[in-house]
Protein backbone atom coordinates (compact mmCIF):
# COMPACT_ATOMS: atom_id res chain seq x y z
CA MET A 1 0.00 0.00 0.00
CA LYS A 2 1.28 3.49 -0.92
CA ILE A 3 0.35 7.10 -0.28
CA LYS A 4 -1.48 8.38 -3.35
CA ALA A 5 -2.00 12.04 -2.42
CA ALA A 6 -1.67 14.50 0.46
CA ILE A 7 -3.96 17.37 1.36
CA CYS A 8 -4.43 19.67 4.35
CA ALA A 9 -6.80 22.28 5.78
CA PRO A 10 -6.66 24.92 8.52
CA GLY A 11 -8.26 23.91 11.79
CA ARG A 12 -8.92 25.04 15.34
CA THR A 13 -7.60 23.63 18.58
CA GLY A 14 -9.20 22.96 21.94
CA PHE A 15 -7.84 26.10 23.60
CA PHE A 16 -5.71 29.20 22.94
CA PHE A 17 -2.19 30.45 22.42
CA ASP A 18 -1.23 32.47 25.52
CA ASP A 19 1.76 34.77 25.91
CA GLN A 20 3.40 33.27 28.99
CA GLN A 21 5.90 36.10 29.35
CA ALA A 22 3.13 38.69 29.58
CA ILE A 23 1.17 36.60 32.09
CA LYS A 24 4.25 36.05 34.27
CA LYS A 25 4.84 39.81 34.18
CA GLY A 26 1.42 40.36 35.70
CA ALA A 27 -1.12 40.46 32.87
CA LEU A 28 -4.49 39.58 34.39
CA ALA A 29 -7.47 37.99 32.70
CA ASP A 30 -10.63 39.97 32.09
CA GLY A 31 -13.18 37.22 31.52
CA GLY A 32 -11.73 35.07 28.77
CA LEU A 33 -9.43 37.83 27.50
CA TYR A 34 -6.10 39.33 28.53
CA PRO A 35 -6.04 43.08 27.95
CA GLY A 36 -2.72 44.70 27.15
CA GLY A 37 0.10 44.13 24.71
CA PRO A 38 2.02 40.89 24.13
CA LEU A 39 5.70 40.40 25.00
CA THR A 40 6.53 37.20 23.08
CA GLU A 41 7.60 37.54 19.45
CA GLY A 42 4.91 36.59 16.94
CA PHE A 43 1.94 37.27 19.19
CA THR A 44 -0.48 40.04 18.25
CA ALA A 45 -2.40 39.71 21.54
CA ILE A 46 -1.70 38.09 24.91
CA ARG A 47 -4.36 35.48 24.12
CA GLN A 48 -5.06 34.27 20.58
CA ALA A 49 -7.31 31.56 19.18
CA GLY A 50 -5.45 28.26 18.84
CA GLU A 51 -4.77 27.13 15.28
CA SER A 52 -4.00 23.74 13.78
CA VAL A 53 -3.40 22.20 10.38
CA LEU A 54 -5.32 19.05 9.49
CA VAL A 55 -3.16 16.62 7.51
CA MET A 56 -4.72 13.94 5.31
CA PHE A 57 -2.95 11.23 3.31
CA ILE A 58 -5.05 9.52 0.64
CA LEU A 59 -4.05 5.87 0.30
CA GLU A 60 -4.18 3.78 -2.87
CA ASP A 61 -7.30 1.97 -1.72
CA GLY A 62 -9.13 5.21 -0.94
CA GLN A 63 -8.67 5.17 2.82
CA VAL A 64 -7.77 8.50 4.42
CA ALA A 65 -5.12 8.67 7.16
CA THR A 66 -5.22 11.74 9.38
CA GLY A 67 -3.16 13.69 11.87
CA ASP A 68 -3.26 17.23 13.22
CA CYS A 69 -0.44 19.76 13.47
CA ALA A 70 -0.67 21.66 16.75
CA ALA A 71 1.57 23.56 19.13
CA VAL A 72 1.48 24.17 22.88
CA GLN A 73 -0.50 26.90 24.61
CA TYR A 74 2.66 28.71 25.69
CA SER A 75 4.45 28.73 22.34
CA GLY A 76 7.63 30.75 21.84
CA THR A 77 8.89 30.41 25.44
CA GLY A 78 10.94 27.93 27.44
CA GLY A 79 13.07 27.03 24.41
CA ARG A 80 10.06 26.09 22.28
CA ASP A 81 9.38 26.82 18.63
CA PRO A 82 7.58 30.09 17.75
CA LEU A 83 3.87 30.67 17.36
CA PHE A 84 2.24 28.25 14.92
CA LEU A 85 -0.12 29.97 12.48
CA ALA A 86 -1.89 27.91 9.82
CA ASP A 87 -1.66 30.39 6.95
CA VAL A 88 2.10 30.69 7.42
CA PHE A 89 2.85 26.98 7.53
CA ILE A 90 0.36 25.41 5.09
CA PRO A 91 2.39 26.55 2.03
CA LEU A 92 5.57 25.04 3.53
CA LEU A 93 3.74 21.80 4.19
CA GLU A 94 2.38 21.55 0.66
CA GLU A 95 5.56 22.61 -1.13
CA SER A 96 8.37 21.18 1.00
CA VAL A 97 6.98 18.27 3.04
CA PHE A 98 4.22 16.42 1.20
CA PRO A 99 6.34 15.67 -1.92
CA HIS A 100 8.63 13.48 0.23
CA PHE A 101 5.77 11.09 0.97
CA ILE A 102 3.71 10.83 -2.20
CA GLY A 103 4.27 7.32 -3.52
CA GLN A 104 5.95 6.07 -0.36
CA GLN A 105 5.36 2.45 0.58
CA LEU A 106 3.57 2.10 3.93
CA ASP A 107 5.84 -0.67 5.18
CA SER A 108 7.26 0.87 8.34
CA PHE A 109 6.35 3.91 10.42
CA LYS A 110 9.87 4.14 11.81
CA ARG A 111 11.29 4.36 8.29
CA LEU A 112 8.84 7.08 7.31
CA ALA A 113 9.47 8.93 10.58
CA GLY A 114 13.18 8.89 9.72
CA ILE A 115 12.44 10.54 6.37
CA LEU A 116 10.44 13.21 8.17
CA ASP A 117 13.32 13.93 10.54
CA GLY A 118 15.59 14.45 7.56
CA ILE A 119 13.52 17.26 6.03
CA PHE A 120 14.95 20.75 6.39
CA ILE A 121 13.59 24.04 5.02
CA HIS A 122 16.18 26.73 4.35
CA GLY A 123 18.61 24.78 6.49
CA LYS A 124 16.27 24.58 9.47
CA LYS A 125 14.37 21.67 10.98
CA LEU A 126 10.63 21.62 10.52
CA HIS A 127 8.55 23.45 13.09
CA THR A 128 7.64 20.88 15.73
CA ALA A 129 3.92 21.34 15.00
CA LEU A 130 4.45 20.28 11.37
CA SER A 131 6.43 17.19 12.37
CA TYR A 132 3.83 16.37 14.99
CA GLY A 133 0.86 16.34 12.61
CA VAL A 134 2.59 14.73 9.64
CA SER A 135 4.00 11.92 11.80
CA GLN A 136 0.54 11.23 13.23
CA ALA A 137 -0.87 10.90 9.72
CA LEU A 138 2.01 8.63 8.68
CA LEU A 139 1.45 6.38 11.69
CA ASP A 140 -2.26 6.24 10.96
CA ALA A 141 -1.50 5.42 7.31
CA VAL A 142 0.75 2.49 8.26
CA ALA A 143 -1.93 1.22 10.65
CA LYS A 144 -4.59 1.40 7.94
CA ALA A 145 -2.34 -0.28 5.39
CA HIS A 146 -1.86 -3.23 7.78
CA SER A 147 -5.47 -3.29 9.04
CA GLN A 148 -4.24 -2.71 12.58
CA MET A 149 -4.84 -0.27 15.40
CA ILE A 150 -2.15 2.36 15.88
CA CYS A 151 -1.14 0.83 19.21
CA GLN A 152 -0.51 -2.48 17.46
CA VAL A 153 1.84 -0.83 14.94
CA VAL A 154 3.75 0.89 17.76
CA ALA A 155 4.01 -2.34 19.72
CA ARG A 156 5.12 -4.37 16.69
CA GLU A 157 7.78 -1.91 15.57
CA ASN A 158 9.19 -1.37 19.08
CA GLY A 159 9.07 -4.93 20.41
CA LEU A 160 6.41 -4.15 23.02
CA LYS A 161 3.77 -6.40 24.56
CA LEU A 162 0.27 -4.97 24.55
CA SER A 163 -1.91 -4.94 27.63
CA ALA A 164 -5.62 -4.22 27.93
CA ALA A 165 -5.13 -2.52 31.31
CA SER A 166 -6.22 1.10 31.67
CA LEU A 167 -3.81 4.00 32.19
CA PRO A 168 -4.11 6.82 34.78
CA ILE A 169 -5.60 9.94 33.20
CA PHE A 170 -4.52 13.42 34.35
CA THR A 171 -7.12 16.17 33.97
CA GLN A 172 -6.43 19.91 33.86
CA SER A 173 -8.71 22.58 35.29
CA GLY A 174 -7.56 25.86 33.82
CA ASP A 175 -8.48 28.79 36.03
CA ALA A 176 -11.80 27.19 37.04
CA ARG A 177 -9.86 25.10 39.54
CA TYR A 178 -12.73 24.82 42.04
CA ASP A 179 -15.69 24.00 39.82
CA ASN A 180 -13.57 21.76 37.60
CA PHE A 181 -12.26 19.84 40.60
CA ASP A 182 -15.81 18.70 41.22
CA LYS A 183 -16.12 17.58 37.59
CA MET A 184 -12.88 15.61 37.90
CA MET A 185 -14.01 13.98 41.12
CA LEU A 186 -17.39 13.03 39.65
CA LYS A 187 -15.69 11.44 36.63
CA GLY A 188 -13.14 9.60 38.77
CA ALA A 189 -10.01 11.20 37.28
CA ASP A 190 -6.89 9.39 38.48
CA VAL A 191 -4.69 12.50 38.62
CA LEU A 192 -5.85 16.10 39.09
CA PRO A 193 -6.24 19.11 38.86
CA HIS A 194 -3.17 20.74 37.18
CA GLY A 195 -4.50 24.02 38.57
CA LEU A 196 -2.74 26.49 36.24
CA ILE A 197 -0.77 28.11 39.07
CA ASN A 198 1.05 30.47 36.69
CA GLU A 199 1.06 33.70 38.70
CA VAL A 200 2.22 34.50 42.23
CA LYS A 201 -0.08 37.19 43.58
CA SER A 202 -3.49 35.64 42.95
CA LYS A 203 -2.68 31.92 42.65
CA LEU A 204 0.40 30.83 44.64
CA GLY A 205 0.40 33.67 47.16
CA GLU A 206 3.25 35.98 48.14
CA LYS A 207 4.34 33.41 50.74
CA GLY A 208 2.82 30.39 49.00
CA GLU A 209 -0.25 30.55 51.23
CA LYS A 210 -2.89 30.51 48.49
CA LEU A 211 -1.74 27.17 47.09
CA VAL A 212 -1.65 25.69 50.60
CA GLU A 213 -5.25 26.84 51.08
CA TYR A 214 -6.26 25.29 47.77
CA MET A 215 -4.54 22.02 48.66
CA LYS A 216 -6.46 21.90 51.93
CA TRP A 217 -9.69 22.67 50.11
CA MET A 218 -9.14 19.80 47.63
CA ARG A 219 -8.38 17.40 50.45
CA GLY A 220 -11.50 18.43 52.36
CA ARG A 221 -13.70 18.35 49.27
CA ALA A 222 -12.61 14.85 48.32
CA MET A 223 -12.82 13.47 51.86
CA GLU A 224 -16.34 14.88 52.30
CA PHE A 225 -17.91 13.91 48.98
CA ALA A 226 -15.86 10.86 47.90
CA PRO A 227 -14.20 9.36 51.01
CA ASP A 228 -12.89 6.31 49.13
CA TYR A 229 -11.47 8.38 46.24
CA ARG A 230 -7.66 8.62 46.23
CA PRO A 231 -6.41 10.51 43.18
CA VAL A 232 -2.95 12.03 42.89
CA PHE A 233 -2.85 15.80 43.45
CA HIS A 234 -0.68 17.09 40.59
CA LEU A 235 -0.19 20.89 40.44
CA ASP A 236 1.69 22.76 37.71
CA VAL A 237 3.17 25.90 39.27
CA TYR A 238 5.15 27.33 36.31
CA GLY A 239 8.24 28.27 38.33
CA THR A 240 6.32 30.39 40.84
CA ILE A 241 7.72 28.55 43.89
CA GLY A 242 11.20 29.58 42.77
CA GLN A 243 9.99 33.15 42.31
CA VAL A 244 8.73 33.29 45.91
CA PHE A 245 11.44 31.41 47.79
CA GLY A 246 14.45 32.08 45.54
CA GLU A 247 15.46 30.07 42.51
CA ARG A 248 18.52 28.60 44.26
CA CYS A 249 17.03 28.36 47.73
CA TYR A 250 16.47 24.62 47.51
CA LYS A 251 16.17 24.00 51.23
CA GLU A 252 13.45 26.65 51.50
CA MET A 253 11.61 25.31 48.46
CA ALA A 254 11.81 21.78 49.83
CA ALA A 255 10.39 22.95 53.17
CA TYR A 256 7.47 24.56 51.34
CA LEU A 257 6.85 21.36 49.38
CA ASN A 258 6.62 19.56 52.71
CA VAL A 259 3.95 22.03 53.83
CA LEU A 260 1.99 21.24 50.67
CA ALA A 261 2.33 17.52 51.32
CA GLU A 262 1.04 17.91 54.88
CA ALA A 263 -1.90 19.99 53.63
CA ALA A 264 -2.81 17.28 51.10
CA ALA A 265 -2.31 14.16 53.23
CA PRO A 266 -3.32 11.37 52.73
CA PHE A 267 -3.25 12.21 49.02
CA ARG A 268 -0.12 11.75 46.93
CA VAL A 269 1.36 15.04 45.64
CA ARG A 270 3.21 15.94 42.45
CA ILE A 271 4.51 19.45 41.76
CA GLU A 272 5.33 20.29 38.15
CA GLY A 273 7.76 23.07 37.29
CA PRO A 274 8.56 24.34 40.83
CA VAL A 275 11.31 26.54 39.43
CA ASP A 276 12.13 28.01 36.02
CA ALA A 277 15.88 28.60 35.73
CA GLY A 278 15.64 30.19 32.29
CA SER A 279 17.78 27.70 30.37
CA ARG A 280 18.06 23.99 29.66
CA GLU A 281 21.26 23.52 31.69
CA GLY A 282 20.09 25.72 34.53
CA GLN A 283 16.76 23.93 34.71
CA MET A 284 18.36 20.49 34.78
CA LEU A 285 20.71 21.54 37.60
CA ALA A 286 17.93 23.20 39.59
CA LEU A 287 15.53 20.26 39.36
CA ARG A 288 18.30 17.77 40.09
CA GLU A 289 19.28 19.67 43.22
CA LEU A 290 15.69 20.13 44.41
CA THR A 291 14.91 16.45 43.77
CA GLN A 292 17.93 15.48 45.87
CA TRP A 293 16.77 17.73 48.72
CA VAL A 294 13.28 16.25 48.61
CA ASP A 295 14.66 12.71 48.64
CA ARG A 296 17.21 13.46 51.36
CA LEU A 297 14.57 14.92 53.66
CA GLY A 298 12.03 12.21 52.87
CA ILE A 299 9.40 14.69 51.69
CA PRO A 300 6.45 12.82 50.09
CA VAL A 301 6.31 14.97 46.96
CA GLU A 302 7.29 14.04 43.40
CA ILE A 303 8.95 16.73 41.28
CA VAL A 304 7.83 16.86 37.65
CA ALA A 305 10.07 18.32 34.91
CA ASP A 306 8.46 20.28 32.08
CA GLU A 307 9.95 23.66 31.08
CA TRP A 308 13.21 23.50 29.08
CA CYS A 309 12.75 19.75 28.64
CA ASN A 310 11.35 19.86 25.13
CA THR A 311 13.17 17.38 22.89
CA LEU A 312 14.04 13.70 23.04
CA GLN A 313 17.62 14.72 23.78
CA ASP A 314 16.46 17.00 26.61
CA ILE A 315 14.35 14.23 28.12
CA LYS A 316 17.26 11.80 28.05
CA TYR A 317 19.49 14.44 29.65
CA PHE A 318 17.03 15.16 32.47
CA ALA A 319 16.35 11.45 33.01
CA ASP A 320 20.06 10.57 33.09
CA ASN A 321 20.61 13.24 35.74
CA ARG A 322 17.42 12.47 37.65
CA ALA A 323 16.26 16.05 37.32
CA GLY A 324 12.82 15.29 38.68
CA HIS A 325 11.03 12.13 39.76
CA MET A 326 8.75 12.39 36.71
CA ILE A 327 9.27 13.93 33.29
CA GLN A 328 6.51 15.31 31.14
CA ILE A 329 6.85 14.15 27.55
CA LYS A 330 4.98 17.07 26.02
CA THR A 331 4.12 15.48 22.71
CA PRO A 332 3.77 18.60 20.50
CA ASP A 333 7.15 19.90 21.68
CA LEU A 334 8.88 16.70 20.56
CA GLY A 335 7.47 17.06 17.06
CA ASN A 336 7.77 13.70 15.31
CA ILE A 337 5.57 11.35 17.36
CA GLN A 338 8.25 8.64 17.15
CA HIS A 339 10.32 10.80 19.51
CA ALA A 340 7.53 10.68 22.09
CA ILE A 341 7.42 6.90 21.80
CA GLU A 342 11.17 6.69 22.38
CA ALA A 343 11.03 9.21 25.23
CA VAL A 344 8.47 7.21 27.21
CA LEU A 345 10.47 4.02 26.78
CA TYR A 346 13.73 5.76 27.73
CA CYS A 347 12.32 7.23 30.95
CA LYS A 348 10.91 3.87 31.98
CA GLY A 349 14.25 2.25 31.24
CA ARG A 350 16.00 4.78 33.50
CA GLY A 351 13.58 4.32 36.38
CA VAL A 352 12.03 7.78 35.94
CA LEU A 353 8.25 8.20 35.91
CA ALA A 354 7.02 8.92 32.37
CA TYR A 355 4.14 11.35 31.96
CA GLN A 356 2.90 11.43 28.36
CA GLY A 357 1.46 14.90 28.33
CA GLY A 358 0.78 17.51 25.73
CA THR A 359 -1.26 20.67 25.79
CA CYS A 360 -4.80 21.92 26.13
CA ASN A 361 -4.15 23.54 22.74
CA GLU A 362 -4.32 20.27 20.75
CA THR A 363 -7.15 18.63 18.84
CA ASP A 364 -9.39 15.61 19.24
CA ARG A 365 -7.40 13.73 16.60
CA SER A 366 -3.99 14.30 18.15
CA ALA A 367 -5.42 13.24 21.52
CA GLN A 368 -6.78 9.99 20.06
CA ILE A 369 -3.49 9.12 18.40
CA CYS A 370 -1.53 9.93 21.57
CA THR A 371 -3.85 7.65 23.54
CA GLN A 372 -3.26 4.83 21.07
CA ILE A 373 0.50 5.30 21.42
CA ALA A 374 0.26 5.29 25.20
CA MET A 375 -1.60 1.98 25.17
CA ALA A 376 1.52 0.48 23.61
CA THR A 377 4.27 2.31 25.55
CA ARG A 378 2.46 2.32 28.96
CA PRO A 379 3.54 5.65 30.52
CA HIS A 380 2.74 6.25 34.18
CA GLN A 381 0.04 8.79 33.33
CA ILE A 382 -1.48 10.45 30.26
CA LEU A 383 -3.04 13.85 29.81
CA ALA A 384 -6.73 14.39 29.15
CA LYS A 385 -6.69 16.78 26.20
CA PRO A 386 -7.52 19.08 24.54
CA GLY A 387 -9.21 21.99 26.32
CA MET A 388 -9.48 23.16 29.92
CA GLY A 389 -13.13 22.30 30.51
CA VAL A 390 -12.42 18.74 31.75
CA ASP A 391 -15.48 17.09 30.18
CA GLU A 392 -14.42 17.07 26.54
CA GLY A 393 -10.74 16.20 26.93
CA PHE A 394 -11.41 13.49 29.50
CA MET A 395 -14.14 12.00 27.29
CA ILE A 396 -11.91 11.89 24.18
CA VAL A 397 -8.97 10.20 25.91
CA TYR A 398 -11.02 7.92 28.15
CA ASN A 399 -13.25 6.71 25.32
CA GLU A 400 -10.33 6.06 22.96
CA MET A 401 -8.63 4.05 25.68
CA GLN A 402 -11.81 2.04 26.27
CA ARG A 403 -12.12 1.27 22.55
CA VAL A 404 -8.58 -0.06 22.49
CA ARG A 405 -9.12 -2.08 25.66
CA ALA A 406 -12.31 -3.64 24.28
CA ILE A 407 -10.69 -4.60 20.96
CA LEU A 408 -7.61 -6.03 22.67
CA ALA A 409 -9.81 -8.04 25.04
CA TYR A 410 -11.80 -9.32 22.08
CA GLU A 411 -8.53 -10.41 20.45
CA GLY A 412 -7.50 -12.25 23.62
CA VAL A 413 -5.08 -9.70 25.12
CA SER A 414 -5.49 -9.59 28.89
CA GLU A 415 -4.56 -7.00 31.47
């Protein structure tokens, strides 16, 4: 089976592009908007509608394989590629990427992914969003050519054994962290709430007190309304703990993490991005040091790496140095989806918790494909995406996982 033609169309995502620099500098939301001027190059407003590009490969037998190009909410910061706008990148896709795949035999996704990695435009690698969407469509095309599910292709090509067991799903609340917590609890989310703690004054607190209060509220809410419910409390704090206690004050940060753990007990706690050191090397060193302090003091908190850990090489570097107990494999940042597959397997091989994440600013299709991949690679948790409303993202990921589980069970694969 070969690829006969390739087409694409502009699309929307499940959330927005937000200028993280402006928000960290104090830009405050007014309803769903952020008044004021942007600070990150490429943005025309602090918040812009999320854009995607819908990739479609037409196969010889008429089947259509699909994948969606998308980039993270906070594009252009933390070492990531710049803002991804459909009208800018569609011509590049049609003129410089698609011709490499027309007529290609759909024998191996890894082989096709290698071709994708070798494409440069004006001496530069493809924008990660382009690689992300094209690789999804290639993987889907190989699966369709072999009459298999995507997870079966990933397992076959990487020597993995499939399991019909479910995976923990992590839901994100956005700023509606109270109302959405109730939604997560009602739906039985395994990990919650993300929280979007991306600003000190109104979210973390000048002394960290607001997050402590929120942690206590979550504990009380869960104990009152679902006493047998024991999710993991996973909060993304976007470097704000370092802002409050000092980016190199590891003992002080560790002491604060212990306060959070005590406020949440008996629930397990993960803190993502406690500090943002402003560079890949600085971030690795900071998270390594903080992780060592937490372990040395026996604090029951798991540190999660995210910012400045964007590529497969970055993930290997952080994992090798144990810069965090868990590493987020933010799938759009890695571009080619084969890199995400390898990243999950590498973290697991190094004894580091693998979190196959992504962004609220993805699409239903990218979320489905990521779920299929996760059912083969078995990360320690996966992100419910896209969007920040809980219901839609959780439904898309949960339902795709249940489809896979049902088909595997039908084919005799047990948990």
